[in-house]
C-alpha atoms as a PDB file:
ATOM      1  CA  UNK A   1     113.897 104.096  28.119  1.00  0.00           C
ATOM      2  CA  UNK A   2     117.269 103.769  29.634  1.00  0.00           C
ATOM      3  CA  UNK A   3     117.888 101.802  32.942  1.00  0.00           C
ATOM      4  CA  UNK A   4     119.140 105.030  34.675  1.00  0.00           C
ATOM      5  CA  UNK A   5     115.837 107.402  34.083  1.00  0.00           C
ATOM      6  CA  UNK A   6     113.961 104.195  34.997  1.00  0.00           C
ATOM      7  CA  UNK A   7     115.860 104.479  38.021  1.00  0.00           C
ATOM      8  CA  UNK A   8     115.484 108.397  38.467  1.00  0.00           C
ATOM      9  CA  UNK A   9     111.662 107.807  38.349  1.00  0.00           C
ATOM     10  CA  UNK A  10     111.468 105.806  41.137  1.00  0.00           C
ATOM     11  CA  UNK A  11     113.727 107.101  42.874  1.00  0.00           C
ATOM     12  CA  UNK A  12     115.769 103.831  43.066  1.00  0.00           C
ATOM     13  CA  UNK A  13     119.234 102.123  44.135  1.00  0.00           C
ATOM     14  CA  UNK A  14     120.526 100.839  40.615  1.00  0.00           C
ATOM     15  CA  UNK A  15     122.467  98.012  40.492  1.00  0.00           C
ATOM     16  CA  UNK A  16     123.799  97.377  37.543  1.00  0.00           C
ATOM     17  CA  UNK A  17     124.488  99.123  34.207  1.00  0.00           C
ATOM     18  CA  UNK A  18     122.480 102.129  33.886  1.00  0.00           C
ATOM     19  CA  UNK A  19     122.683 102.631  29.887  1.00  0.00           C
ATOM     20  CA  UNK A  20     120.683  99.231  29.349  1.00  0.00           C
ATOM     21  CA  UNK A  21     117.943  99.932  27.090  1.00  0.00           C
ATOM     22  CA  UNK A  22     114.242  98.955  28.244  1.00  0.00           C
ATOM     23  CA  UNK A  23     111.783  98.120  25.864  1.00  0.00           C
ATOM     24  CA  UNK A  24     108.628  96.904  27.638  1.00  0.00           C
ATOM     25  CA  UNK A  25     107.538  95.600  30.933  1.00  0.00           C
ATOM     26  CA  UNK A  26     106.810  91.860  31.518  1.00  0.00           C
ATOM     27  CA  UNK A  27     106.080  89.351  34.243  1.00  0.00           C
ATOM     28  CA  UNK A  28     109.249  87.626  35.955  1.00  0.00           C
ATOM     29  CA  UNK A  29     109.001  83.965  34.002  1.00  0.00           C
ATOM     30  CA  UNK A  30     108.108  85.811  30.630  1.00  0.00           C
ATOM     31  CA  UNK A  31     110.392  88.415  30.346  1.00  0.00           C
ATOM     32  CA  UNK A  32     113.331  88.627  28.008  1.00  0.00           C
ATOM     33  CA  UNK A  33     116.281  90.510  26.666  1.00  0.00           C
ATOM     34  CA  UNK A  34     115.245  94.347  27.051  1.00  0.00           C
ATOM     35  CA  UNK A  35     112.406  93.673  29.218  1.00  0.00           C
ATOM     36  CA  UNK A  36     111.782  95.015  33.226  1.00  0.00           C
ATOM     37  CA  UNK A  37     110.152  93.007  35.639  1.00  0.00           C
ATOM     38  CA  UNK A  38     109.324  92.959  39.077  1.00  0.00           C
ATOM     39  CA  UNK A  39     109.824  90.773  42.684  1.00  0.00           C
ATOM     40  CA  UNK A  40     107.002  92.052  45.370  1.00  0.00           C
ATOM     41  CA  UNK A  41     106.071  88.468  46.873  1.00  0.00           C
ATOM     42  CA  UNK A  42     109.011  86.434  47.385  1.00  0.00           C
ATOM     43  CA  UNK A  43     107.372  83.347  46.292  1.00  0.00           C
ATOM     44  CA  UNK A  44     108.758  84.159  43.198  1.00  0.00           C
ATOM     45  CA  UNK A  45     112.290  84.643  43.953  1.00  0.00           C
ATOM     46  CA  UNK A  46     113.296  81.261  42.822  1.00  0.00           C
ATOM     47  CA  UNK A  47     112.977  83.221  39.123  1.00  0.00           C
ATOM     48  CA  UNK A  48     115.534  85.748  40.193  1.00  0.00           C
ATOM     49  CA  UNK A  49     118.056  82.685  39.196  1.00  0.00           C
ATOM     50  CA  UNK A  50     116.461  82.066  35.798  1.00  0.00           C
ATOM     51  CA  UNK A  51     115.160  85.777  34.402  1.00  0.00           C
ATOM     52  CA  UNK A  52     115.695  86.812  31.059  1.00  0.00           C
ATOM     53  CA  UNK A  53     114.896  90.210  31.987  1.00  0.00           C
ATOM     54  CA  UNK A  54     117.461  92.953  31.804  1.00  0.00           C
ATOM     55  CA  UNK A  55     116.374  94.469  35.155  1.00  0.00           C
ATOM     56  CA  UNK A  56     114.221  93.181  37.988  1.00  0.00           C
ATOM     57  CA  UNK A  57     112.270  95.745  40.289  1.00  0.00           C
ATOM     58  CA  UNK A  58     112.856  94.237  44.062  1.00  0.00           C
ATOM     59  CA  UNK A  59     113.411  95.458  47.762  1.00  0.00           C
ATOM     60  CA  UNK A  60     116.020  97.149  49.431  1.00  0.00           C
ATOM     61  CA  UNK A  61     117.139  93.875  51.186  1.00  0.00           C
ATOM     62  CA  UNK A  62     117.413  92.065  47.786  1.00  0.00           C
ATOM     63  CA  UNK A  63     120.087  90.485  45.942  1.00  0.00           C
ATOM     64  CA  UNK A  64     120.701  88.445  42.894  1.00  0.00           C
ATOM     65  CA  UNK A  65     121.387  84.699  43.523  1.00  0.00           C
ATOM     66  CA  UNK A  66     125.011  83.172  43.549  1.00  0.00           C
ATOM     67  CA  UNK A  67     126.092  82.668  39.704  1.00  0.00           C
ATOM     68  CA  UNK A  68     124.469  85.588  38.665  1.00  0.00           C
ATOM     69  CA  UNK A  69     125.901  89.014  38.428  1.00  0.00           C
ATOM     70  CA  UNK A  70     124.587  92.890  37.546  1.00  0.00           C
ATOM     71  CA  UNK A  71     125.881  92.285  34.619  1.00  0.00           C
ATOM     72  CA  UNK A  72     123.497  89.813  33.071  1.00  0.00           C
ATOM     73  CA  UNK A  73     120.356  91.185  34.928  1.00  0.00           C
ATOM     74  CA  UNK A  74     120.450  94.671  36.832  1.00  0.00           C
ATOM     75  CA  UNK A  75     118.578  95.506  40.345  1.00  0.00           C
ATOM     76  CA  UNK A  76     116.460  98.636  41.246  1.00  0.00           C
ATOM     77  CA  UNK A  77     115.854  98.417  44.900  1.00  0.00           C
ATOM     78  CA  UNK A  78     112.891 100.856  45.984  1.00  0.00           C
ATOM     79  CA  UNK A  79     111.039 100.815  49.128  1.00  0.00           C
ATOM     80  CA  UNK A  80     107.753  98.949  47.535  1.00  0.00           C
ATOM     81  CA  UNK A  81     108.464  97.069  44.599  1.00  0.00           C
ATOM     82  CA  UNK A  82     104.862  96.660  43.511  1.00  0.00           C
ATOM     83  CA  UNK A  83     103.679 100.101  43.164  1.00  0.00           C
ATOM     84  CA  UNK A  84     107.062 100.908  41.480  1.00  0.00           C
ATOM     85  CA  UNK A  85     106.152  98.803  38.883  1.00  0.00           C
ATOM     86  CA  UNK A  86     102.725  99.984  38.256  1.00  0.00           C
ATOM     87  CA  UNK A  87     104.078 103.634  37.901  1.00  0.00           C
ATOM     88  CA  UNK A  88     106.386 101.849  35.424  1.00  0.00           C
ATOM     89  CA  UNK A  89     103.528  99.880  33.343  1.00  0.00           C
ATOM     90  CA  UNK A  90     102.219 103.906  33.125  1.00  0.00           C
ATOM     91  CA  UNK A  91     105.215 105.185  31.687  1.00  0.00           C
ATOM     92  CA  UNK A  92     105.730 102.508  29.092  1.00  0.00           C
ATOM     93  CA  UNK A  93     101.751 102.217  27.927  1.00  0.00           C
ATOM     94  CA  UNK A  94     100.196 105.523  28.603  1.00  0.00           C
ATOM     95  CA  UNK A  95      96.376 105.097  28.438  1.00  0.00           C
ATOM     96  CA  UNK A  96      94.821 106.490  25.917  1.00  0.00           C
ATOM     97  CA  UNK A  97      91.848 109.438  26.138  1.00  0.00           C
ATOM     98  CA  UNK A  98      88.793 107.252  26.899  1.00  0.00           C
ATOM     99  CA  UNK A  99      86.729 109.619  25.101  1.00  0.00           C
ATOM    100  CA  UNK A 100      87.744 111.665  22.336  1.00  0.00           C
ATOM    101  CA  UNK A 101      87.622 115.821  22.724  1.00  0.00           C
ATOM    102  CA  UNK A 102      84.365 117.769  22.250  1.00  0.00           C
ATOM    103  CA  UNK A 103      80.833 116.782  22.128  1.00  0.00           C
ATOM    104  CA  UNK A 104      79.909 114.322  19.664  1.00  0.00           C
ATOM    105  CA  UNK A 105      77.058 115.341  16.904  1.00  0.00           C
ATOM    106  CA  UNK A 106      74.571 112.229  17.847  1.00  0.00           C
ATOM    107  CA  UNK A 107      74.566 113.005  21.676  1.00  0.00           C
ATOM    108  CA  UNK A 108      71.180 114.277  23.010  1.00  0.00           C
ATOM    109  CA  UNK A 109      72.212 117.010  25.724  1.00  0.00           C
ATOM    110  CA  UNK A 110      69.093 118.638  27.171  1.00  0.00           C
ATOM    111  CA  UNK A 111      69.050 122.353  27.055  1.00  0.00           C
ATOM    112  CA  UNK A 112      68.764 122.992  30.379  1.00  0.00           C
ATOM    113  CA  UNK A 113      72.035 120.854  31.321  1.00  0.00           C
ATOM    114  CA  UNK A 114      74.995 122.504  32.768  1.00  0.00           C
ATOM    115  CA  UNK A 115      78.427 121.571  31.208  1.00  0.00           C
ATOM    116  CA  UNK A 116      81.466 122.389  32.868  1.00  0.00           C
ATOM    117  CA  UNK A 117      84.703 123.472  30.824  1.00  0.00           C
ATOM    118  CA  UNK A 118      86.442 120.162  28.911  1.00  0.00           C
ATOM    119  CA  UNK A 119      83.948 117.885  29.112  1.00  0.00           C
ATOM    120  CA  UNK A 120      83.564 115.136  26.602  1.00  0.00           C
ATOM    121  CA  UNK A 121      80.355 113.577  25.370  1.00  0.00           C
ATOM    122  CA  UNK A 122      80.659 110.504  22.950  1.00  0.00           C
ATOM    123  CA  UNK A 123      78.201 109.132  20.482  1.00  0.00           C
ATOM    124  CA  UNK A 124      74.631 108.643  21.823  1.00  0.00           C
ATOM    125  CA  UNK A 125      75.110 109.857  25.035  1.00  0.00           C
ATOM    126  CA  UNK A 126      71.900 110.893  26.761  1.00  0.00           C
ATOM    127  CA  UNK A 127      71.946 113.771  29.288  1.00  0.00           C
ATOM    128  CA  UNK A 128      68.863 114.547  30.727  1.00  0.00           C
ATOM    129  CA  UNK A 129      67.285 117.896  32.139  1.00  0.00           C
ATOM    130  CA  UNK A 130      68.971 120.047  34.939  1.00  0.00           C
ATOM    131  CA  UNK A 131      71.521 117.907  34.586  1.00  0.00           C
ATOM    132  CA  UNK A 132      75.295 119.521  35.872  1.00  0.00           C
ATOM    133  CA  UNK A 133      78.274 117.818  34.743  1.00  0.00           C
ATOM    134  CA  UNK A 134      81.684 119.048  36.275  1.00  0.00           C
ATOM    135  CA  UNK A 135      84.721 120.217  34.439  1.00  0.00           C
ATOM    136  CA  UNK A 136      86.576 117.613  32.572  1.00  0.00           C
ATOM    137  CA  UNK A 137      84.453 114.998  32.978  1.00  0.00           C
ATOM    138  CA  UNK A 138      84.377 112.206  29.959  1.00  0.00           C
ATOM    139  CA  UNK A 139      80.996 110.899  29.047  1.00  0.00           C
ATOM    140  CA  UNK A 140      81.488 107.265  27.340  1.00  0.00           C
ATOM    141  CA  UNK A 141      79.259 106.459  24.122  1.00  0.00           C
ATOM    142  CA  UNK A 142      75.474 105.204  25.337  1.00  0.00           C
ATOM    143  CA  UNK A 143      75.940 106.616  28.434  1.00  0.00           C
ATOM    144  CA  UNK A 144      72.636 107.793  30.184  1.00  0.00           C
ATOM    145  CA  UNK A 145      72.352 110.210  33.057  1.00  0.00           C
ATOM    146  CA  UNK A 146      68.725 110.809  34.107  1.00  0.00           C
ATOM    147  CA  UNK A 147      67.467 114.399  34.866  1.00  0.00           C
ATOM    148  CA  UNK A 148      68.713 116.231  37.770  1.00  0.00           C
ATOM    149  CA  UNK A 149      72.012 113.990  38.265  1.00  0.00           C
ATOM    150  CA  UNK A 150      75.596 115.603  39.005  1.00  0.00           C
ATOM    151  CA  UNK A 151      78.886 114.518  37.998  1.00  0.00           C
ATOM    152  CA  UNK A 152      82.082 116.365  40.051  1.00  0.00           C
ATOM    153  CA  UNK A 153      84.917 117.628  38.293  1.00  0.00           C
ATOM    154  CA  UNK A 154      87.202 114.942  36.457  1.00  0.00           C
ATOM    155  CA  UNK A 155      84.839 112.122  36.435  1.00  0.00           C
ATOM    156  CA  UNK A 156      84.915 109.472  33.484  1.00  0.00           C
ATOM    157  CA  UNK A 157      81.760 107.544  33.052  1.00  0.00           C
ATOM    158  CA  UNK A 158      82.601 104.611  30.528  1.00  0.00           C
ATOM    159  CA  UNK A 159      80.383 102.766  27.304  1.00  0.00           C
ATOM    160  CA  UNK A 160      76.599 102.335  28.539  1.00  0.00           C
ATOM    161  CA  UNK A 161      76.866 103.507  31.991  1.00  0.00           C
ATOM    162  CA  UNK A 162      73.290 104.628  33.862  1.00  0.00           C
ATOM    163  CA  UNK A 163      73.082 107.404  36.259  1.00  0.00           C
ATOM    164  CA  UNK A 164      69.771 107.710  37.058  1.00  0.00           C
ATOM    165  CA  UNK A 165      67.759 110.910  38.228  1.00  0.00           C
ATOM    166  CA  UNK A 166      68.792 113.155  41.214  1.00  0.00           C
ATOM    167  CA  UNK A 167      72.266 110.890  41.828  1.00  0.00           C
ATOM    168  CA  UNK A 168      75.127 112.838  42.667  1.00  0.00           C
ATOM    169  CA  UNK A 169      78.589 111.986  41.938  1.00  0.00           C
ATOM    170  CA  UNK A 170      81.621 113.684  43.490  1.00  0.00           C
ATOM    171  CA  UNK A 171      85.171 114.389  41.531  1.00  0.00           C
ATOM    172  CA  UNK A 172      87.221 112.044  40.189  1.00  0.00           C
ATOM    173  CA  UNK A 173      84.978 109.350  40.239  1.00  0.00           C
ATOM    174  CA  UNK A 174      85.196 106.157  37.694  1.00  0.00           C
ATOM    175  CA  UNK A 175      82.430 104.074  36.547  1.00  0.00           C
ATOM    176  CA  UNK A 176      83.330 100.734  34.207  1.00  0.00           C
ATOM    177  CA  UNK A 177      80.792  99.966  31.217  1.00  0.00           C
ATOM    178  CA  UNK A 178      77.403  98.805  32.609  1.00  0.00           C
ATOM    179  CA  UNK A 179      77.218 100.305  35.871  1.00  0.00           C
ATOM    180  CA  UNK A 180      74.426 101.430  36.938  1.00  0.00           C
ATOM    181  CA  UNK A 181      73.923 104.034  39.486  1.00  0.00           C
ATOM    182  CA  UNK A 182      70.355 104.960  41.067  1.00  0.00           C
ATOM    183  CA  UNK A 183      68.479 102.070  40.136  1.00  0.00           C
ATOM    184  CA  UNK A 184      65.598 101.284  41.958  1.00  0.00           C
ATOM    185  CA  UNK A 185      66.040  99.048  45.386  1.00  0.00           C
ATOM    186  CA  UNK A 186      64.093  95.969  45.743  1.00  0.00           C
ATOM    187  CA  UNK A 187      60.909  97.131  47.945  1.00  0.00           C
ATOM    188  CA  UNK A 188      57.697  95.491  47.491  1.00  0.00           C
ATOM    189  CA  UNK A 189      55.134  95.300  50.216  1.00  0.00           C
ATOM    190  CA  UNK A 190      53.104  91.725  50.464  1.00  0.00           C
ATOM    191  CA  UNK A 191      49.313  92.180  50.145  1.00  0.00           C
ATOM    192  CA  UNK A 192      46.716  89.677  51.682  1.00  0.00           C
ATOM    193  CA  UNK A 193      46.032  87.998  48.481  1.00  0.00           C
ATOM    194  CA  UNK A 194      49.702  86.940  48.378  1.00  0.00           C
ATOM    195  CA  UNK A 195      50.603  89.388  45.428  1.00  0.00           C
ATOM    196  CA  UNK A 196      53.299  92.249  45.883  1.00  0.00           C
ATOM    197  CA  UNK A 197      52.858  96.013  46.033  1.00  0.00           C
ATOM    198  CA  UNK A 198      55.742  98.199  44.656  1.00  0.00           C
ATOM    199  CA  UNK A 199      57.339 100.167  47.169  1.00  0.00           C
ATOM    200  CA  UNK A 200      58.654 103.696  45.401  1.00  0.00           C
ATOM    201  CA  UNK A 201      62.299 104.039  45.143  1.00  0.00           C
ATOM    202  CA  UNK A 202      62.107 108.256  46.180  1.00  0.00           C
ATOM    203  CA  UNK A 203      66.039 108.304  47.768  1.00  0.00           C
ATOM    204  CA  UNK A 204      69.178 109.117  45.892  1.00  0.00           C
ATOM    205  CA  UNK A 205      73.072 107.527  45.729  1.00  0.00           C
ATOM    206  CA  UNK A 206      75.766 109.658  46.659  1.00  0.00           C
ATOM    207  CA  UNK A 207      79.270 108.313  45.489  1.00  0.00           C
ATOM    208  CA  UNK A 208      81.737 110.973  47.081  1.00  0.00           C
ATOM    209  CA  UNK A 209      85.533 111.862  45.717  1.00  0.00           C
ATOM    210  CA  UNK A 210      87.750 108.857  43.992  1.00  0.00           C
ATOM    211  CA  UNK A 211      85.214 105.940  43.851  1.00  0.00           C
ATOM    212  CA  UNK A 212      85.887 103.720  40.907  1.00  0.00           C
ATOM    213  CA  UNK A 213      82.733 101.136  40.499  1.00  0.00           C
ATOM    214  CA  UNK A 214      83.203  98.109  38.226  1.00  0.00           C
ATOM    215  CA  UNK A 215      81.351  96.598  35.120  1.00  0.00           C
ATOM    216  CA  UNK A 216      78.106  95.711  35.609  1.00  0.00           C
ATOM    217  CA  UNK A 217      78.152  97.066  39.157  1.00  0.00           C
ATOM    218  CA  UNK A 218      74.913  98.013  40.594  1.00  0.00           C
ATOM    219  CA  UNK A 219      74.167 100.764  43.262  1.00  0.00           C
ATOM    220  CA  UNK A 220      70.146 101.061  44.403  1.00  0.00           C
ATOM    221  CA  UNK A 221      69.110 104.486  45.174  1.00  0.00           C
ATOM    222  CA  UNK A 222      67.528 104.667  49.050  1.00  0.00           C
ATOM    223  CA  UNK A 223      63.702 103.767  49.557  1.00  0.00           C
ATOM    224  CA  UNK A 224      64.061 107.204  51.563  1.00  0.00           C
ATOM    225  CA  UNK A 225      67.209 109.782  52.096  1.00  0.00           C
ATOM    226  CA  UNK A 226      70.333 108.195  50.626  1.00  0.00           C
ATOM    227  CA  UNK A 227      72.473 105.075  49.653  1.00  0.00           C
ATOM    228  CA  UNK A 228      76.003 106.739  50.447  1.00  0.00           C
ATOM    229  CA  UNK A 229      79.580 105.224  48.835  1.00  0.00           C
ATOM    230  CA  UNK A 230      82.071 107.049  50.522  1.00  0.00           C
ATOM    231  CA  UNK A 231      85.659 108.444  49.591  1.00  0.00           C
ATOM    232  CA  UNK A 232      87.937 106.349  48.110  1.00  0.00           C
ATOM    233  CA  UNK A 233      85.542 103.353  48.032  1.00  0.00           C
ATOM    234  CA  UNK A 234      86.360 100.494  45.315  1.00  0.00           C
ATOM    235  CA  UNK A 235      84.053  98.235  44.008  1.00  0.00           C
ATOM    236  CA  UNK A 236      84.712  95.310  41.680  1.00  0.00           C
ATOM    237  CA  UNK A 237      82.522  93.795  38.696  1.00  0.00           C
ATOM    238  CA  UNK A 238      79.142  92.582  38.820  1.00  0.00           C
ATOM    239  CA  UNK A 239      78.469  93.727  42.755  1.00  0.00           C
ATOM    240  CA  UNK A 240      75.154  94.526  43.933  1.00  0.00           C
ATOM    241  CA  UNK A 241      74.601  97.440  46.602  1.00  0.00           C
ATOM    242  CA  UNK A 242      71.320  97.618  48.077  1.00  0.00           C
ATOM    243  CA  UNK A 243      68.666 100.536  48.837  1.00  0.00           C
ATOM    244  CA  UNK A 244      70.250 102.619  51.963  1.00  0.00           C
ATOM    245  CA  UNK A 245      73.642 100.867  52.107  1.00  0.00           C
ATOM    246  CA  UNK A 246      76.129 103.095  53.491  1.00  0.00           C
ATOM    247  CA  UNK A 247      80.166 101.728  52.907  1.00  0.00           C
ATOM    248  CA  UNK A 248      82.804 103.925  54.576  1.00  0.00           C
ATOM    249  CA  UNK A 249      85.969 105.395  53.112  1.00  0.00           C
ATOM    250  CA  UNK A 250      88.823 103.402  51.743  1.00  0.00           C
ATOM    251  CA  UNK A 251      86.523 100.007  51.500  1.00  0.00           C
ATOM    252  CA  UNK A 252      87.254  97.783  48.802  1.00  0.00           C
ATOM    253  CA  UNK A 253      85.226  94.807  47.641  1.00  0.00           C
ATOM    254  CA  UNK A 254      86.083  92.233  44.863  1.00  0.00           C
ATOM    255  CA  UNK A 255      83.524  90.830  42.095  1.00  0.00           C
ATOM    256  CA  UNK A 256      79.729  89.230  43.088  1.00  0.00           C
ATOM    257  CA  UNK A 257      79.762  90.612  46.679  1.00  0.00           C
ATOM    258  CA  UNK A 258      75.812  91.774  47.778  1.00  0.00           C
ATOM    259  CA  UNK A 259      75.244  93.812  50.221  1.00  0.00           C
ATOM    260  CA  UNK A 260      71.468  93.357  51.491  1.00  0.00           C
ATOM    261  CA  UNK A 261      69.553  96.898  52.546  1.00  0.00           C
ATOM    262  CA  UNK A 262      70.197  98.784  55.442  1.00  0.00           C
ATOM    263  CA  UNK A 263      73.560  97.776  56.330  1.00  0.00           C
ATOM    264  CA  UNK A 264      76.478  99.757  56.974  1.00  0.00           C
ATOM    265  CA  UNK A 265      79.928  99.154  56.109  1.00  0.00           C
ATOM    266  CA  UNK A 266      82.742 100.586  57.877  1.00  0.00           C
ATOM    267  CA  UNK A 267      85.677 102.348  56.798  1.00  0.00           C
ATOM    268  CA  UNK A 268      88.786 100.231  55.630  1.00  0.00           C
ATOM    269  CA  UNK A 269      87.044  97.225  55.405  1.00  0.00           C
ATOM    270  CA  UNK A 270      88.415  94.645  52.699  1.00  0.00           C
ATOM    271  CA  UNK A 271      85.670  92.097  51.124  1.00  0.00           C
ATOM    272  CA  UNK A 272      86.253  88.980  49.477  1.00  0.00           C
ATOM    273  CA  UNK A 273      84.645  87.705  46.260  1.00  0.00           C
ATOM    274  CA  UNK A 274      81.182  86.544  46.513  1.00  0.00           C
ATOM    275  CA  UNK A 275      80.707  87.706  50.353  1.00  0.00           C
ATOM    276  CA  UNK A 276      76.645  88.063  50.740  1.00  0.00           C
ATOM    277  CA  UNK A 277      75.496  90.534  53.892  1.00  0.00           C
ATOM    278  CA  UNK A 278      72.669  89.778  55.392  1.00  0.00           C
ATOM    279  CA  UNK A 279      70.366  93.426  56.363  1.00  0.00           C
ATOM    280  CA  UNK A 280      70.880  95.725  58.451  1.00  0.00           C
ATOM    281  CA  UNK A 281      74.475  95.072  59.573  1.00  0.00           C
ATOM    282  CA  UNK A 282      76.891  97.099  60.875  1.00  0.00           C
ATOM    283  CA  UNK A 283      80.564  95.909  60.214  1.00  0.00           C
ATOM    284  CA  UNK A 284      83.237  97.833  62.033  1.00  0.00           C
ATOM    285  CA  UNK A 285      86.118  99.912  60.551  1.00  0.00           C
ATOM    286  CA  UNK A 286      88.859  97.616  58.868  1.00  0.00           C
ATOM    287  CA  UNK A 287      86.938  94.126  59.278  1.00  0.00           C
ATOM    288  CA  UNK A 288      88.097  91.611  56.228  1.00  0.00           C
ATOM    289  CA  UNK A 289      85.896  89.129  55.452  1.00  0.00           C
ATOM    290  CA  UNK A 290      87.175  86.056  53.508  1.00  0.00           C
ATOM    291  CA  UNK A 291      85.939  84.744  49.924  1.00  0.00           C
ATOM    292  CA  UNK A 292      82.485  83.179  49.935  1.00  0.00           C
ATOM    293  CA  UNK A 293      81.987  84.231  53.108  1.00  0.00           C
ATOM    294  CA  UNK A 294      78.160  84.969  54.057  1.00  0.00           C
ATOM    295  CA  UNK A 295      77.507  87.168  57.292  1.00  0.00           C
ATOM    296  CA  UNK A 296      74.602  87.275  59.453  1.00  0.00           C
ATOM    297  CA  UNK A 297      75.452  89.566  61.811  1.00  0.00           C
ATOM    298  CA  UNK A 298      77.113  92.152  62.696  1.00  0.00           C
ATOM    299  CA  UNK A 299      80.615  92.843  63.586  1.00  0.00           C
ATOM    300  CA  UNK A 300      81.465  95.227  66.121  1.00  0.00           C
ATOM    301  CA  UNK A 301      85.481  94.716  66.982  1.00  0.00           C
ATOM    302  CA  UNK A 302      87.242  96.769  64.738  1.00  0.00           C
ATOM    303  CA  UNK A 303      90.011  95.175  62.648  1.00  0.00           C
ATOM    304  CA  UNK A 304      88.544  91.454  62.918  1.00  0.00           C
ATOM    305  CA  UNK A 305      88.835  88.874  60.609  1.00  0.00           C
ATOM    306  CA  UNK A 306      86.044  86.415  59.579  1.00  0.00           C
ATOM    307  CA  UNK A 307      85.176  83.894  56.693  1.00  0.00           C
ATOM    308  CA  UNK A 308      82.994  81.022  56.463  1.00  0.00           C
ATOM    309  CA  UNK A 309      79.114  80.240  55.781  1.00  0.00           C
ATOM    310  CA  UNK A 310      77.179  81.769  58.376  1.00  0.00           C
ATOM    311  CA  UNK A 311      81.002  83.898  58.884  1.00  0.00           C
ATOM    312  CA  UNK A 312      82.996  83.175  62.332  1.00  0.00           C
ATOM    313  CA  UNK A 313      86.228  84.851  63.597  1.00  0.00           C
ATOM    314  CA  UNK A 314      89.268  82.966  61.195  1.00  0.00           C
ATOM    315  CA  UNK A 315      90.810  80.858  63.503  1.00  0.00           C
ATOM    316  CA  UNK A 316      87.519  79.498  64.777  1.00  0.00           C
ATOM    317  CA  UNK A 317      85.976  79.436  60.968  1.00  0.00           C
ATOM    318  CA  UNK A 318      89.188  77.269  60.086  1.00  0.00           C
ATOM    319  CA  UNK A 319      88.863  75.049  63.216  1.00  0.00           C
ATOM    320  CA  UNK A 320      85.776  73.892  61.653  1.00  0.00           C
ATOM    321  CA  UNK A 321      86.975  73.522  57.996  1.00  0.00           C
ATOM    322  CA  UNK A 322      89.633  71.768  59.518  1.00  0.00           C
ATOM    323  CA  UNK A 323      87.332  69.288  61.420  1.00  0.00           C
ATOM    324  CA  UNK A 324      85.425  69.299  58.337  1.00  0.00           C
ATOM    325  CA  UNK A 325      88.180  67.495  56.107  1.00  0.00           C
ATOM    326  CA  UNK A 326      88.617  64.822  58.957  1.00  0.00           C
ATOM    327  CA  UNK A 327      84.566  64.208  58.482  1.00  0.00           C
ATOM    328  CA  UNK A 328      85.164  61.040  56.433  1.00  0.00           C
ATOM    329  CA  UNK A 329      87.544  59.463  58.794  1.00  0.00           C
ATOM    330  CA  UNK A 330      85.797  59.880  61.866  1.00  0.00           C
ATOM    331  CA  UNK A 331      82.668  58.541  60.242  1.00  0.00           C
ATOM    332  CA  UNK A 332      84.571  55.319  59.496  1.00  0.00           C
ATOM    333  CA  UNK A 333      86.119  54.749  62.741  1.00  0.00           C
ATOM    334  CA  UNK A 334      82.225  55.508  64.736  1.00  0.00           C
ATOM    335  CA  UNK A 335      81.137  53.038  62.290  1.00  0.00           C
ATOM    336  CA  UNK A 336      83.735  50.307  63.129  1.00  0.00           C
ATOM    337  CA  UNK A 337      83.638  51.347  67.160  1.00  0.00           C
ATOM    338  CA  UNK A 338      79.631  50.475  66.589  1.00  0.00           C
ATOM    339  CA  UNK A 339      80.633  47.353  65.021  1.00  0.00           C
ATOM    340  CA  UNK A 340      82.885  45.960  67.670  1.00  0.00           C
ATOM    341  CA  UNK A 341      80.335  47.035  70.667  1.00  0.00           C
ATOM    342  CA  UNK A 342      77.437  45.633  68.228  1.00  0.00           C
ATOM    343  CA  UNK A 343      80.263  42.499  68.699  1.00  0.00           C
ATOM    344  CA  UNK A 344      80.743  42.689  72.412  1.00  0.00           C
ATOM    345  CA  UNK A 345      76.811  42.942  73.023  1.00  0.00           C
ATOM    346  CA  UNK A 346      76.824  39.599  71.021  1.00  0.00           C
ATOM    347  CA  UNK A 347      79.593  38.044  72.908  1.00  0.00           C
ATOM    348  CA  UNK A 348      78.058  38.989  76.227  1.00  0.00           C
ATOM    349  CA  UNK A 349      74.983  37.792  75.348  1.00  0.00           C
ATOM    350  CA  UNK A 350      75.709  34.350  74.752  1.00  0.00           C
ATOM    351  CA  UNK A 351      78.184  34.040  77.952  1.00  0.00           C
ATOM    352  CA  UNK A 352      75.838  35.348  80.747  1.00  0.00           C
ATOM    353  CA  UNK A 353      73.199  32.417  82.034  1.00  0.00           C
ATOM    354  CA  UNK A 354      69.591  32.755  81.061  1.00  0.00           C
ATOM    355  CA  UNK A 355      67.485  34.670  83.583  1.00  0.00           C
ATOM    356  CA  UNK A 356      65.556  32.819  86.013  1.00  0.00           C
END
């Protein structure tokens, strides 16, 4: 693709040779002749002086360093370099259809299921009774939809996904391999003899439009009512969402987070990796939670940043972390002071006259 074509695609200001051919996309530190790269984080700006890329996508204010010219490295100036680079990646590497057209003969589909137009179902998938699958939805190999499960239009369920009975998916939902939607919530009643009796989990899971669930992430069905993941939520791999949780619109979470039962997460929340929430919390809109934090109480003020275990406002948490790093020196100082005090006591006791 010629550089001028890419400039039109991105609506970019081109500084350099528009006839130059671009063959692939690459990282700025690894790019070579014929490659397109990008600079979004200025900590990598030093590579502008050394990159062998034919062109770099940059923000509007960036220029080549002294000693370089647009003849050897062209610039594409845009408002958002990262988003523009993502668009270029898609242009150079259009994704192959994850499921072949049609319905594989080995798929097992209950006669009562209703399939929309253009549905694709791969080998060994199972579609239970009363299921409804929306238009153009794709069901990957060995994926199972339990009785009464519903998907919207344009959904993509990759291999080995399970959507259990009566759960509902909106439009354009993506479930990565191994995701389980609607497994039983962890509910057991203690008995007098010390054993536990299983509490029936008769609720469902609802995933609204444009939700994406990562590989091997689990979203448990409600004990009663719904576990609901609202529009635009993106969950990474290996996340546990417990029964009756509600996650607000456009919230994102990195891998290995765990959200205990009946917790309500607000809209636009950002959750770092390995964060744990205790149950029955309410987390305000726009909250940011640092990685490996343990959240043990509700966050009521919107747009708060918290960190640590137990999680605290980030300024307090960082002060505590800073103090912890000084503990060895503080302990050494305390021991030295204690020895000095003991020495002073000993010296004073030898100088003072004995009591009559």
